[in-house]
């Protein structure tokens, strides 16, 4: 299936998952059904009362109707929008507390988010008899296994630990009703795709699947194609339902900190690929050297290069031999890189039209792109002028600090290492035992911690030489017969309680 088809199709919804397939129909604000608290089943009304909610938030009121109809759904909604309640309320409605097996599974990218989702689910499901367990790596298995043996019906956790529990036979998903991907873009950037791909073999064919993500780059669209069946796609990032091809974000950064902030952004966001724009050839050379020094596979593109050299640099980016291409506006004119996920503006352009040209490199063919700008304090006025002239919603964010980088890099490294450990057979594991005493000795010595840190850094930096592991377009799509003309205007029936 091509990306254009992902966006334009609107086949009839179904609850079967023998094959994937993403429907990207975007309904207008008038067509999209909404629920209020009074429209909910009685048990969910009581849950809202326990939370002190006077009304549903937009992401809840617009997505819950589809989920109560048991129709697969992709929702673009930012963190803090109320999305956890949007999927937990339908889970509470559809779980049968009398049946002591896993009926709903929520996949999250971090331990912190797992705890947050679990805490909100516990409050919403209070007095319903629903049992839940939160599972993630870095802690012992005993408590998690006991909760599963005790009949937990809702599991919230990271894909790696869930895969471990499935491999041990202590968790089974053959009766799973609901699968939720929470913050799917972060699940991908954390490196969880191989684990999620292996998880698929444990899932039943008949289930409901829901995906929530702040952005929908091509990798996330392809993840949806793997796990969801003909979903409706709603965009609620700006409290409206309409097509948004590109997210625009900016960070205020001083001239002295811009290079460090650029690296921190890359480490936190972990983009699959990007063009990094600078205003001068000297800045292109500088940023290129910074990326090289930090171990990133990068190339540069300036007007000094002849056409042959330009084409070679672009082809290396298309072939994923490099992740980053640093360029000036003049050198980048007319270039086309399919499925470019990010555009980074190291220098903010002096002319508003140049911003549109740069931003236009991403967000193509139905995928959601991201444009991130580093602006000096005195450039905020120019940014505001650009946003107003072209009616662009610019989101201001705080640049990540070293603590934030350390946290996310540590979690991502742990994901990669644990995934590799799961691939080791018994012979490899037996061979590893030779180094257990040495590992214990190094960990206990303050002076030798640098040796462990060096090994972890080398391994992690090696993983940066390629893009995050992402799904490839399914080969079966080319074999599918043409679909019938989609039927318009289909919407969930309003349930009466």
Protein backbone atom coordinates (compact mmCIF):
# COMPACT_ATOMS: atom_id res chain seq x y z
CA UNK A 1 0.00 0.00 0.00
CA UNK A 2 1.34 3.40 -0.91
CA UNK A 3 1.40 6.28 1.51
CA UNK A 4 -1.20 8.11 -0.56
CA UNK A 5 -3.53 5.13 -0.15
CA UNK A 6 -2.92 5.15 3.58
CA UNK A 7 -4.34 8.63 3.73
CA UNK A 8 -7.19 8.46 1.26
CA UNK A 9 -8.87 5.14 1.89
CA UNK A 10 -11.96 4.78 4.07
CA UNK A 11 -13.01 1.14 3.96
CA UNK A 12 -15.65 -0.32 6.17
CA UNK A 13 -14.40 -0.85 9.70
CA UNK A 14 -13.96 -4.36 10.95
CA UNK A 15 -12.74 -6.08 14.08
CA UNK A 16 -10.54 -8.63 12.32
CA UNK A 17 -6.75 -8.37 12.25
CA UNK A 18 -5.66 -11.12 9.90
CA UNK A 19 -4.00 -8.40 7.81
CA UNK A 20 -3.13 -4.79 8.41
CA UNK A 21 -4.19 -1.72 6.52
CA UNK A 22 -4.46 1.91 7.50
CA UNK A 23 -7.36 4.12 6.60
CA UNK A 24 -6.46 7.77 6.81
CA UNK A 25 -9.82 9.43 6.26
CA UNK A 26 -9.89 12.81 7.97
CA UNK A 27 -13.42 13.78 8.98
CA UNK A 28 -14.39 17.41 9.25
CA UNK A 29 -15.25 18.92 12.60
CA UNK A 30 -18.97 18.79 11.78
CA UNK A 31 -18.88 15.13 10.73
CA UNK A 32 -16.92 13.86 13.72
CA UNK A 33 -19.30 12.56 16.42
CA UNK A 34 -18.85 13.71 19.99
CA UNK A 35 -19.85 12.27 23.33
CA UNK A 36 -20.58 14.05 26.56
CA UNK A 37 -20.54 12.47 30.00
CA UNK A 38 -24.32 11.97 29.81
CA UNK A 39 -23.86 9.80 26.69
CA UNK A 40 -21.61 7.32 28.51
CA UNK A 41 -22.67 4.02 30.10
CA UNK A 42 -23.53 4.34 33.79
CA UNK A 43 -20.29 2.73 34.98
CA UNK A 44 -18.24 5.25 32.99
CA UNK A 45 -20.34 8.15 34.30
CA UNK A 46 -19.44 7.04 37.81
CA UNK A 47 -15.77 6.81 36.82
CA UNK A 48 -15.88 10.42 35.59
CA UNK A 49 -17.53 11.48 38.84
CA UNK A 50 -14.76 9.82 40.85
CA UNK A 51 -12.23 11.82 38.85
CA UNK A 52 -14.16 15.04 39.39
CA UNK A 53 -14.63 15.57 35.65
CA UNK A 54 -17.39 18.01 34.75
CA UNK A 55 -17.04 17.32 31.03
CA UNK A 56 -14.99 15.20 28.66
CA UNK A 57 -11.92 16.67 27.03
CA UNK A 58 -11.98 16.94 23.20
CA UNK A 59 -9.80 13.87 22.62
CA UNK A 60 -12.11 11.87 24.89
CA UNK A 61 -15.42 13.12 23.51
CA UNK A 62 -14.39 12.49 19.90
CA UNK A 63 -12.54 9.18 20.14
CA UNK A 64 -14.66 7.32 22.70
CA UNK A 65 -17.65 6.88 20.30
CA UNK A 66 -15.46 4.93 17.87
CA UNK A 67 -13.93 2.85 20.63
CA UNK A 68 -17.26 1.93 22.19
CA UNK A 69 -18.24 0.77 18.70
CA UNK A 70 -15.09 -1.44 18.79
CA UNK A 71 -13.60 0.19 15.69
CA UNK A 72 -9.85 0.52 15.28
CA UNK A 73 -8.64 4.07 15.66
CA UNK A 74 -5.56 6.26 15.16
CA UNK A 75 -5.59 9.50 17.16
CA UNK A 76 -3.08 12.32 16.82
CA UNK A 77 -3.13 14.08 20.17
CA UNK A 78 -0.45 15.69 22.28
CA UNK A 79 0.69 14.73 25.76
CA UNK A 80 -1.51 16.30 28.42
CA UNK A 81 -4.62 16.33 26.22
CA UNK A 82 -6.52 13.74 28.27
CA UNK A 83 -5.72 10.83 25.95
CA UNK A 84 -5.17 8.36 28.82
CA UNK A 85 -8.80 8.74 29.87
CA UNK A 86 -9.79 8.43 26.21
CA UNK A 87 -8.61 4.81 26.02
CA UNK A 88 -8.98 3.76 29.66
CA UNK A 89 -12.72 4.53 29.80
CA UNK A 90 -13.55 2.17 26.88
CA UNK A 91 -11.26 -0.45 28.43
CA UNK A 92 -13.23 -0.24 31.69
CA UNK A 93 -16.45 -0.61 29.68
CA UNK A 94 -15.32 -3.70 27.77
CA UNK A 95 -13.41 -5.72 30.38
CA UNK A 96 -15.34 -8.52 32.09
CA UNK A 97 -14.15 -8.56 35.75
CA UNK A 98 -15.43 -12.11 36.25
CA UNK A 99 -12.91 -13.51 33.76
CA UNK A 100 -9.44 -13.78 35.26
CA UNK A 101 -7.18 -13.37 32.24
CA UNK A 102 -5.56 -10.53 30.34
CA UNK A 103 -8.19 -8.70 28.29
CA UNK A 104 -6.50 -5.34 27.61
CA UNK A 105 -2.86 -4.46 26.94
CA UNK A 106 -1.44 -0.92 26.85
CA UNK A 107 2.05 -0.52 25.37
CA UNK A 108 4.03 2.52 26.57
CA UNK A 109 7.60 3.68 25.83
CA UNK A 110 8.91 4.38 29.36
CA UNK A 111 8.63 3.20 32.94
CA UNK A 112 7.47 6.64 34.00
CA UNK A 113 4.58 6.68 31.55
CA UNK A 114 3.65 3.12 32.52
CA UNK A 115 3.28 4.23 36.13
CA UNK A 116 1.27 7.31 35.15
CA UNK A 117 -1.15 5.37 32.95
CA UNK A 118 -1.52 2.66 35.59
CA UNK A 119 -2.30 5.22 38.29
CA UNK A 120 -5.04 6.87 36.22
CA UNK A 121 -6.46 3.49 35.21
CA UNK A 122 -6.59 2.47 38.86
CA UNK A 123 -8.64 5.57 39.74
CA UNK A 124 -11.00 5.20 36.77
CA UNK A 125 -11.55 1.48 37.40
CA UNK A 126 -12.04 1.76 41.16
CA UNK A 127 -14.98 -0.27 42.51
CA UNK A 128 -15.33 -2.15 39.19
CA UNK A 129 -13.46 -5.27 40.27
CA UNK A 130 -10.96 -4.89 37.41
CA UNK A 131 -7.44 -6.00 38.31
CA UNK A 132 -4.42 -4.46 36.66
CA UNK A 133 -0.65 -4.77 36.71
CA UNK A 134 2.10 -2.45 35.51
CA UNK A 135 5.18 -4.16 34.06
CA UNK A 136 8.54 -2.76 32.98
CA UNK A 137 12.20 -3.67 33.09
CA UNK A 138 14.79 -2.71 35.68
CA UNK A 139 12.86 -4.31 38.57
CA UNK A 140 12.25 -7.87 39.73
CA UNK A 141 9.73 -10.20 38.11
CA UNK A 142 8.15 -11.67 41.25
CA UNK A 143 5.49 -9.02 41.96
CA UNK A 144 4.53 -8.74 38.31
CA UNK A 145 4.22 -12.51 37.90
CA UNK A 146 2.12 -12.80 41.06
CA UNK A 147 -0.28 -10.14 39.79
CA UNK A 148 -0.65 -11.98 36.49
CA UNK A 149 -1.28 -15.26 38.32
CA UNK A 150 -3.85 -13.41 40.42
CA UNK A 151 -5.93 -12.75 37.34
CA UNK A 152 -4.92 -9.28 36.12
CA UNK A 153 -7.21 -8.21 33.29
CA UNK A 154 -5.42 -4.96 32.32
CA UNK A 155 -1.67 -4.89 31.68
CA UNK A 156 0.23 -1.61 31.20
CA UNK A 157 3.89 -1.88 30.33
CA UNK A 158 6.89 -1.55 28.06
CA UNK A 159 7.17 -3.98 25.11
CA UNK A 160 10.47 -5.48 26.26
CA UNK A 161 9.27 -6.66 29.68
CA UNK A 162 5.94 -7.81 28.22
CA UNK A 163 7.85 -9.91 25.70
CA UNK A 164 9.95 -11.38 28.53
CA UNK A 165 6.82 -12.40 30.45
CA UNK A 166 5.29 -13.93 27.34
CA UNK A 167 8.48 -15.85 26.68
CA UNK A 168 8.44 -17.22 30.25
CA UNK A 169 4.86 -18.36 29.77
CA UNK A 170 3.67 -16.29 32.74
CA UNK A 171 1.45 -14.07 30.58
CA UNK A 172 -0.88 -15.14 27.77
CA UNK A 173 -2.77 -12.99 25.31
CA UNK A 174 -4.99 -15.46 23.48
CA UNK A 175 -8.10 -13.85 24.99
CA UNK A 176 -6.97 -10.25 24.48
CA UNK A 177 -9.77 -7.87 23.49
CA UNK A 178 -8.01 -4.51 23.35
CA UNK A 179 -4.49 -3.44 22.31
CA UNK A 180 -3.40 0.19 22.81
CA UNK A 181 -0.23 1.89 21.56
CA UNK A 182 0.29 4.96 23.75
CA UNK A 183 2.75 7.54 22.40
CA UNK A 184 3.49 5.39 19.37
CA UNK A 185 6.07 7.81 17.98
CA UNK A 186 8.10 7.52 21.17
CA UNK A 187 7.74 3.72 21.13
CA UNK A 188 9.44 3.82 17.74
CA UNK A 189 12.14 6.34 18.71
CA UNK A 190 13.01 4.29 21.80
CA UNK A 191 13.84 1.32 19.56
CA UNK A 192 10.91 -0.92 20.50
CA UNK A 193 9.90 -1.89 16.97
CA UNK A 194 11.70 -5.30 16.96
CA UNK A 195 10.03 -6.18 20.28
CA UNK A 196 6.61 -5.09 19.01
CA UNK A 197 7.10 -7.12 15.84
CA UNK A 198 7.85 -10.24 17.91
CA UNK A 199 4.88 -9.45 20.13
CA UNK A 200 2.55 -9.80 17.16
CA UNK A 201 2.89 -13.59 17.12
CA UNK A 202 1.26 -13.73 20.59
CA UNK A 203 -1.79 -11.64 19.63
CA UNK A 204 -5.17 -13.07 18.68
CA UNK A 205 -6.52 -12.26 15.22
CA UNK A 206 -9.75 -10.80 16.61
CA UNK A 207 -9.15 -7.75 18.77
CA UNK A 208 -9.63 -3.98 18.83
CA UNK A 209 -6.49 -1.87 18.39
CA UNK A 210 -6.01 1.81 19.13
CA UNK A 211 -3.02 4.04 18.50
CA UNK A 212 -2.34 7.41 20.13
CA UNK A 213 0.61 9.52 18.99
CA UNK A 214 1.66 13.16 18.97
CA UNK A 215 3.06 12.73 15.45
CA UNK A 216 2.59 10.25 12.63
CA UNK A 217 5.81 9.96 10.64
CA UNK A 218 6.06 7.25 8.02
CA UNK A 219 7.44 4.69 10.48
CA UNK A 220 4.41 5.08 12.75
CA UNK A 221 2.01 4.85 9.79
CA UNK A 222 3.70 1.59 8.83
CA UNK A 223 3.49 0.37 12.43
CA UNK A 224 -0.25 1.06 12.28
CA UNK A 225 -0.42 -0.88 9.01
CA UNK A 226 1.13 -3.85 10.81
CA UNK A 227 -1.21 -3.93 13.81
CA UNK A 228 -4.42 -2.05 12.96
CA UNK A 229 -7.20 -3.04 10.57
CA UNK A 230 -8.79 -0.24 8.52
CA UNK A 231 -8.73 2.34 11.33
CA UNK A 232 -10.38 5.73 11.37
CA UNK A 233 -7.78 8.47 11.83
CA UNK A 234 -8.55 11.55 13.91
CA UNK A 235 -6.30 14.57 14.31
CA UNK A 236 -6.93 16.40 17.57
CA UNK A 237 -3.54 18.04 18.11
CA UNK A 238 -4.99 21.53 17.82
CA UNK A 239 -8.43 20.73 19.30
CA UNK A 240 -9.81 20.32 15.80
CA UNK A 241 -10.16 17.58 13.26
CA UNK A 242 -8.33 18.43 10.05
CA UNK A 243 -5.25 17.52 8.09
CA UNK A 244 -2.00 18.71 9.61
CA UNK A 245 0.95 17.59 7.55
CA UNK A 246 3.69 19.18 9.66
CA UNK A 247 4.20 19.99 13.33
CA UNK A 248 6.10 23.23 13.94
CA UNK A 249 8.14 23.49 17.14
CA UNK A 250 10.73 26.01 18.26
CA UNK A 251 13.25 26.29 21.08
CA UNK A 252 14.82 29.50 22.32
CA UNK A 253 18.58 29.01 22.50
CA UNK A 254 21.51 31.35 22.90
CA UNK A 255 24.26 31.50 20.29
CA UNK A 256 26.68 29.89 22.73
CA UNK A 257 24.36 26.94 23.45
CA UNK A 258 22.90 26.22 20.02
CA UNK A 259 25.33 23.47 19.10
CA UNK A 260 24.80 21.68 22.41
CA UNK A 261 21.03 22.17 22.20
CA UNK A 262 21.06 20.70 18.69
CA UNK A 263 22.79 17.54 19.91
CA UNK A 264 20.46 17.25 22.90
CA UNK A 265 17.43 17.58 20.62
CA UNK A 266 18.76 14.87 18.33
CA UNK A 267 19.49 12.57 21.26
CA UNK A 268 16.01 13.03 22.73
CA UNK A 269 13.99 13.03 19.49
CA UNK A 270 16.09 10.37 17.74
CA UNK A 271 14.80 11.27 14.24
CA UNK A 272 14.97 8.68 11.49
CA UNK A 273 16.50 11.29 9.19
CA UNK A 274 16.65 15.07 8.83
CA UNK A 275 17.90 17.99 6.81
CA UNK A 276 19.54 20.60 9.04
CA UNK A 277 19.41 24.10 7.58
CA UNK A 278 22.00 26.80 8.20
CA UNK A 279 22.18 30.35 6.80
CA UNK A 280 25.83 30.25 5.68
CA UNK A 281 28.33 27.80 4.26
CA UNK A 282 30.58 28.38 7.29
CA UNK A 283 27.77 27.31 9.62
CA UNK A 284 27.10 24.23 7.49
CA UNK A 285 30.72 23.17 7.87
CA UNK A 286 30.64 23.85 11.62
CA UNK A 287 27.43 21.89 12.27
CA UNK A 288 28.66 19.04 10.08
CA UNK A 289 31.84 18.80 12.16
CA UNK A 290 29.83 18.88 15.42
CA UNK A 291 27.67 15.98 14.25
CA UNK A 292 30.71 14.01 13.14
CA UNK A 293 32.42 14.56 16.48
CA UNK A 294 29.37 13.22 18.32
CA UNK A 295 29.34 10.08 16.20
CA UNK A 296 26.41 10.83 13.90
CA UNK A 297 26.43 9.74 10.27
CA UNK A 298 26.12 13.11 8.49
CA UNK A 299 26.92 14.82 5.20
CA UNK A 300 26.87 18.42 3.98
CA UNK A 301 25.38 20.20 1.00
CA UNK A 302 26.51 23.67 -0.10
CA UNK A 303 26.52 25.62 -3.36
CA UNK A 304 30.27 24.91 -3.70
CA UNK A 305 29.53 21.29 -4.61
CA UNK A 306 29.13 20.38 -8.25
CA UNK A 307 25.97 18.61 -9.41
CA UNK A 308 27.52 15.17 -9.25
CA UNK A 309 28.67 15.67 -5.64
CA UNK A 310 25.25 17.06 -4.70
CA UNK A 311 23.49 14.02 -6.12
CA UNK A 312 25.82 11.66 -4.29
CA UNK A 313 25.17 13.41 -0.98
CA UNK A 314 21.40 13.25 -1.52
CA UNK A 315 21.55 9.61 -2.53
CA UNK A 316 23.44 8.72 0.65
CA UNK A 317 20.57 10.27 2.64
CA UNK A 318 17.93 8.46 0.57
CA UNK A 319 19.81 5.16 0.97
CA UNK A 320 20.04 5.71 4.75
CA UNK A 321 23.83 5.64 4.67
CA UNK A 322 23.67 8.96 6.54
CA UNK A 323 20.91 10.24 8.82
CA UNK A 324 21.59 13.95 8.60
CA UNK A 325 22.26 16.32 5.73
CA UNK A 326 23.41 19.82 6.66
CA UNK A 327 22.55 22.36 3.96
CA UNK A 328 22.03 25.98 2.96
CA UNK A 329 18.83 27.21 1.30
CA UNK A 330 20.51 27.70 -2.05
CA UNK A 331 22.04 24.23 -2.12
CA UNK A 332 18.78 22.58 -1.02
CA UNK A 333 16.51 24.15 -3.63
CA UNK A 334 14.67 21.60 -5.70
CA UNK A 335 15.85 18.56 -3.74
CA UNK A 336 13.44 15.76 -2.96
CA UNK A 337 14.01 13.22 -0.21
CA UNK A 338 11.02 10.87 0.14
CA UNK A 339 9.74 10.22 3.67
CA UNK A 340 11.95 12.82 5.36
CA UNK A 341 10.75 12.83 8.98
CA UNK A 342 12.40 15.99 10.35
CA UNK A 343 13.64 19.38 9.29
CA UNK A 344 15.91 21.12 11.82
CA UNK A 345 16.61 24.83 11.58
CA UNK A 346 19.94 25.51 13.25
CA UNK A 347 19.65 29.10 11.93
CA UNK A 348 16.24 30.73 11.58
CA UNK A 349 15.84 32.25 8.09
CA UNK A 350 15.65 36.00 7.64
CA UNK A 351 12.84 35.77 5.06
CA UNK A 352 9.48 34.15 5.95
CA UNK A 353 9.28 32.50 2.51
CA UNK A 354 12.52 30.66 3.25
CA UNK A 355 10.89 29.05 6.29
CA UNK A 356 8.09 27.67 4.12
CA UNK A 357 10.64 26.34 1.63
CA UNK A 358 12.59 24.58 4.39
CA UNK A 359 9.49 23.19 6.12
CA UNK A 360 8.22 21.86 2.79
CA UNK A 361 10.98 19.23 2.72
CA UNK A 362 9.01 17.11 5.25
CA UNK A 363 5.37 16.19 5.85
CA UNK A 364 4.87 14.75 2.37
CA UNK A 365 2.84 11.91 0.93
CA UNK A 366 0.48 11.66 3.90
CA UNK A 367 3.12 11.29 6.63
CA UNK A 368 3.36 13.82 9.44
CA UNK A 369 6.65 15.71 9.46
CA UNK A 370 8.27 17.76 12.20
CA UNK A 371 10.02 21.11 11.83
CA UNK A 372 12.15 22.12 14.83
CA UNK A 373 13.77 25.57 14.99
CA UNK A 374 16.50 26.87 17.27
CA UNK A 375 15.95 30.60 17.61
CA UNK A 376 17.87 33.22 19.52
CA UNK A 377 15.78 35.40 21.87
CA UNK A 378 15.91 38.37 19.48
CA UNK A 379 14.60 36.15 16.62
CA UNK A 380 11.30 35.35 18.32
CA UNK A 381 9.72 38.45 16.77
CA UNK A 382 10.72 37.25 13.30
CA UNK A 383 9.34 33.81 14.09
CA UNK A 384 6.03 35.32 15.23
CA UNK A 385 5.84 37.34 12.01
CA UNK A 386 6.37 34.20 9.94
CA UNK A 387 3.78 32.26 11.90
CA UNK A 388 1.20 35.03 11.51
CA UNK A 389 1.84 35.57 7.81
CA UNK A 390 1.39 31.90 6.93
CA UNK A 391 -1.11 30.98 9.69
CA UNK A 392 1.23 28.44 11.28
CA UNK A 393 0.72 27.11 14.79
CA UNK A 394 4.16 27.33 16.41
CA UNK A 395 4.69 25.43 19.66
CA UNK A 396 7.33 26.79 22.04
CA UNK A 397 9.25 24.18 24.00
CA UNK A 398 12.11 24.25 26.47
CA UNK A 399 15.34 22.71 25.18
CA UNK A 400 16.12 19.43 26.96
CA UNK A 401 18.89 19.60 29.53
CA UNK A 402 21.62 17.06 30.27
CA UNK A 403 19.48 15.32 32.90
CA UNK A 404 16.67 14.73 30.40
CA UNK A 405 19.14 13.45 27.82
CA UNK A 406 20.80 11.12 30.31
CA UNK A 407 17.43 9.67 31.33
CA UNK A 408 16.14 8.95 27.84
CA UNK A 409 19.48 7.70 26.52
CA UNK A 410 19.75 5.32 29.48
CA UNK A 411 16.28 3.92 28.84
CA UNK A 412 16.90 3.60 25.11
CA UNK A 413 20.25 1.83 25.69
CA UNK A 414 18.56 -0.56 28.11
CA UNK A 415 15.88 -1.36 25.51
CA UNK A 416 18.51 -2.11 22.87
CA UNK A 417 20.63 -4.28 25.18
CA UNK A 418 17.70 -6.26 26.58
CA UNK A 419 16.37 -6.86 23.07
CA UNK A 420 19.76 -8.22 22.04
CA UNK A 421 19.91 -10.42 25.13
CA UNK A 422 16.57 -12.01 24.21
CA UNK A 423 18.09 -13.20 20.92
CA UNK A 424 20.87 -15.16 22.64
CA UNK A 425 20.50 -18.91 22.61
CA UNK A 426 21.52 -21.20 25.49
CA UNK A 427 25.07 -21.61 24.19
CA UNK A 428 25.61 -17.87 24.06
CA UNK A 429 24.14 -17.44 27.54
CA UNK A 430 26.42 -20.15 28.87
CA UNK A 431 29.42 -18.44 27.31
CA UNK A 432 28.38 -15.15 28.90
CA UNK A 433 28.74 -16.70 32.36
CA UNK A 434 32.52 -16.33 32.07
CA UNK A 435 32.15 -12.59 32.48
CA UNK A 436 29.62 -12.45 35.32
CA UNK A 437 32.31 -12.24 38.05
CA UNK A 438 34.16 -9.51 36.13
CA UNK A 439 30.97 -7.55 35.56
CA UNK A 440 30.13 -7.74 39.25
CA UNK A 441 33.65 -6.67 40.20
CA UNK A 442 33.63 -3.68 37.82
CA UNK A 443 30.20 -2.55 39.00
CA UNK A 444 31.33 -2.51 42.62
CA UNK A 445 34.41 -0.40 41.98
CA UNK A 446 33.96 3.35 41.63
CA UNK A 447 37.22 3.57 39.71
CA UNK A 448 36.16 0.89 37.22
CA UNK A 449 32.74 2.35 36.47
CA UNK A 450 34.39 4.31 33.67
CA UNK A 451 35.13 1.00 31.92
CA UNK A 452 31.44 0.02 31.98
CA UNK A 453 30.42 3.52 30.85
CA UNK A 454 32.90 3.32 27.97
CA UNK A 455 31.48 -0.02 26.78
CA UNK A 456 27.90 1.27 27.00
CA UNK A 457 28.80 4.47 25.16
CA UNK A 458 30.61 2.58 22.38
CA UNK A 459 27.66 0.24 21.90
CA UNK A 460 25.13 3.07 21.93
CA UNK A 461 27.13 5.24 19.54
CA UNK A 462 27.36 2.32 17.13
CA UNK A 463 23.56 2.16 17.12
CA UNK A 464 23.46 5.84 16.07
CA UNK A 465 25.15 5.13 12.74
CA UNK A 466 21.82 3.99 11.32
CA UNK A 467 18.25 5.21 11.72
CA UNK A 468 16.01 3.75 14.44
CA UNK A 469 14.75 0.32 13.50
CA UNK A 470 11.52 0.91 11.61
CA UNK A 471 9.01 -1.24 9.77
CA UNK A 472 9.33 -1.65 6.04
CA UNK A 473 6.30 -1.29 3.78
CA UNK A 474 4.50 -4.61 3.59
CA UNK A 475 5.13 -6.55 0.40
CA UNK A 476 1.58 -7.88 0.50
CA UNK A 477 0.21 -4.44 -0.31
CA UNK A 478 1.33 -4.67 -3.93
CA UNK A 479 -0.65 -7.91 -4.28
CA UNK A 480 -3.95 -6.56 -3.04
CA UNK A 481 -6.74 -6.04 -5.57
CA UNK A 482 -8.00 -2.46 -5.97
CA UNK A 483 -10.40 -1.43 -3.24
CA UNK A 484 -13.94 -0.37 -3.93
CA UNK A 485 -14.82 3.31 -3.81
CA UNK A 486 -14.93 4.21 -0.09
CA UNK A 487 -18.29 5.00 1.44
CA UNK A 488 -18.48 8.48 2.91
CA UNK A 489 -20.15 9.70 6.03
CA UNK A 490 -20.13 6.48 8.05
CA UNK A 491 -20.11 7.34 11.70
CA UNK A 492 -20.62 5.47 14.97
CA UNK A 493 -24.19 4.94 16.08
CA UNK A 494 -25.12 6.82 19.23
CA UNK A 495 -25.58 4.22 21.91
CA UNK A 496 -28.43 4.61 24.40
CA UNK A 497 -28.04 3.59 28.00
